[in-house]
């Protein structure tokens, strides 16, 4: 996904397993489902995103791609 696009938009989950220690509640995600990204936090070597569907939770951006629609 484009981590430099800070607009709220739909993204698609492409994986739900992340081995980094920076995520949370990955069991909430469904592969193939679209979610709405609301905030992006770019760090030096990883990026976390917030989703409208799960307020106050962050997910690693590598689990998502841009939606085609």
C-alpha atoms as a PDB file:
ATOM      1  CA  UNK A   1       0.000   0.000   0.000  1.00  0.00           C
ATOM      2  CA  UNK A   2       1.064   3.583  -0.537  1.00  0.00           C
ATOM      3  CA  UNK A   3       2.127   4.727   2.935  1.00  0.00           C
ATOM      4  CA  UNK A   4       2.620   8.308   1.728  1.00  0.00           C
ATOM      5  CA  UNK A   5      -1.017   8.775   0.671  1.00  0.00           C
ATOM      6  CA  UNK A   6      -2.578  10.228   3.821  1.00  0.00           C
ATOM      7  CA  UNK A   7      -6.146  10.353   2.483  1.00  0.00           C
ATOM      8  CA  UNK A   8      -8.849   8.181   4.013  1.00  0.00           C
ATOM      9  CA  UNK A   9      -9.488   5.377   1.550  1.00  0.00           C
ATOM     10  CA  UNK A  10     -10.279   1.694   1.094  1.00  0.00           C
ATOM     11  CA  UNK A  11      -7.472  -0.857   1.309  1.00  0.00           C
ATOM     12  CA  UNK A  12      -7.599  -4.655   1.079  1.00  0.00           C
ATOM     13  CA  UNK A  13      -6.178  -7.144   3.563  1.00  0.00           C
ATOM     14  CA  UNK A  14      -3.791  -9.549   1.807  1.00  0.00           C
ATOM     15  CA  UNK A  15      -2.439 -11.363   4.867  1.00  0.00           C
ATOM     16  CA  UNK A  16      -3.349 -11.556   8.545  1.00  0.00           C
ATOM     17  CA  UNK A  17      -0.121 -12.872  10.016  1.00  0.00           C
ATOM     18  CA  UNK A  18       2.583 -10.476  11.091  1.00  0.00           C
ATOM     19  CA  UNK A  19       5.650 -11.564  13.019  1.00  0.00           C
ATOM     20  CA  UNK A  20       6.610  -8.083  14.176  1.00  0.00           C
ATOM     21  CA  UNK A  21       6.028  -7.208  17.842  1.00  0.00           C
ATOM     22  CA  UNK A  22       4.314  -3.943  16.899  1.00  0.00           C
ATOM     23  CA  UNK A  23       0.865  -5.089  15.930  1.00  0.00           C
ATOM     24  CA  UNK A  24      -2.262  -6.136  17.723  1.00  0.00           C
ATOM     25  CA  UNK A  25      -5.331  -8.342  17.289  1.00  0.00           C
ATOM     26  CA  UNK A  26      -4.530  -9.617  13.813  1.00  0.00           C
ATOM     27  CA  UNK A  27      -7.226 -12.239  14.282  1.00  0.00           C
ATOM     28  CA  UNK A  28      -9.743  -9.417  13.654  1.00  0.00           C
ATOM     29  CA  UNK A  29      -8.691  -9.180  10.015  1.00  0.00           C
ATOM     30  CA  UNK A  30     -10.154 -11.137   7.101  1.00  0.00           C
ATOM     31  CA  UNK A  31      -7.968 -11.755   4.060  1.00  0.00           C
ATOM     32  CA  UNK A  32      -9.631 -10.320   0.945  1.00  0.00           C
ATOM     33  CA  UNK A  33     -11.830  -7.902   2.892  1.00  0.00           C
ATOM     34  CA  UNK A  34     -11.655  -4.144   2.365  1.00  0.00           C
ATOM     35  CA  UNK A  35     -11.098  -1.752   5.266  1.00  0.00           C
ATOM     36  CA  UNK A  36     -10.901   2.030   5.537  1.00  0.00           C
ATOM     37  CA  UNK A  37      -7.516   3.426   6.505  1.00  0.00           C
ATOM     38  CA  UNK A  38      -7.860   6.559   8.648  1.00  0.00           C
ATOM     39  CA  UNK A  39      -4.337   7.227   9.884  1.00  0.00           C
ATOM     40  CA  UNK A  40      -0.801   6.185   8.958  1.00  0.00           C
ATOM     41  CA  UNK A  41       2.224   6.203  11.267  1.00  0.00           C
ATOM     42  CA  UNK A  42       5.515   5.924   9.349  1.00  0.00           C
ATOM     43  CA  UNK A  43       8.484   4.962  11.518  1.00  0.00           C
ATOM     44  CA  UNK A  44      12.100   4.401  10.552  1.00  0.00           C
ATOM     45  CA  UNK A  45      11.692   0.735   9.495  1.00  0.00           C
ATOM     46  CA  UNK A  46       7.986  -0.116   9.738  1.00  0.00           C
ATOM     47  CA  UNK A  47       4.604   1.536   9.240  1.00  0.00           C
ATOM     48  CA  UNK A  48       1.459   1.093  11.279  1.00  0.00           C
ATOM     49  CA  UNK A  49      -2.029   2.038  10.142  1.00  0.00           C
ATOM     50  CA  UNK A  50      -5.341   2.671  11.867  1.00  0.00           C
ATOM     51  CA  UNK A  51      -8.605   1.376  10.436  1.00  0.00           C
ATOM     52  CA  UNK A  52     -12.056   2.922  10.802  1.00  0.00           C
ATOM     53  CA  UNK A  53     -13.492  -0.521  11.488  1.00  0.00           C
ATOM     54  CA  UNK A  54     -11.228  -1.067  14.540  1.00  0.00           C
ATOM     55  CA  UNK A  55     -10.760   2.240  16.406  1.00  0.00           C
ATOM     56  CA  UNK A  56      -7.731   2.556  18.701  1.00  0.00           C
ATOM     57  CA  UNK A  57      -5.950  -0.446  17.143  1.00  0.00           C
ATOM     58  CA  UNK A  58      -2.948  -0.426  14.836  1.00  0.00           C
ATOM     59  CA  UNK A  59      -1.946  -2.889  12.117  1.00  0.00           C
ATOM     60  CA  UNK A  60       1.243  -3.318  10.115  1.00  0.00           C
ATOM     61  CA  UNK A  61       0.905  -1.830   6.625  1.00  0.00           C
ATOM     62  CA  UNK A  62       2.523  -4.888   4.962  1.00  0.00           C
ATOM     63  CA  UNK A  63      -0.757  -6.738   5.491  1.00  0.00           C
ATOM     64  CA  UNK A  64      -2.615  -4.484   3.051  1.00  0.00           C
ATOM     65  CA  UNK A  65      -2.686  -3.324  -0.566  1.00  0.00           C
ATOM     66  CA  UNK A  66      -4.538  -0.532  -2.313  1.00  0.00           C
ATOM     67  CA  UNK A  67      -8.081  -1.429  -3.363  1.00  0.00           C
ATOM     68  CA  UNK A  68      -8.779  -1.339  -7.069  1.00  0.00           C
ATOM     69  CA  UNK A  69     -12.203   0.222  -6.680  1.00  0.00           C
END
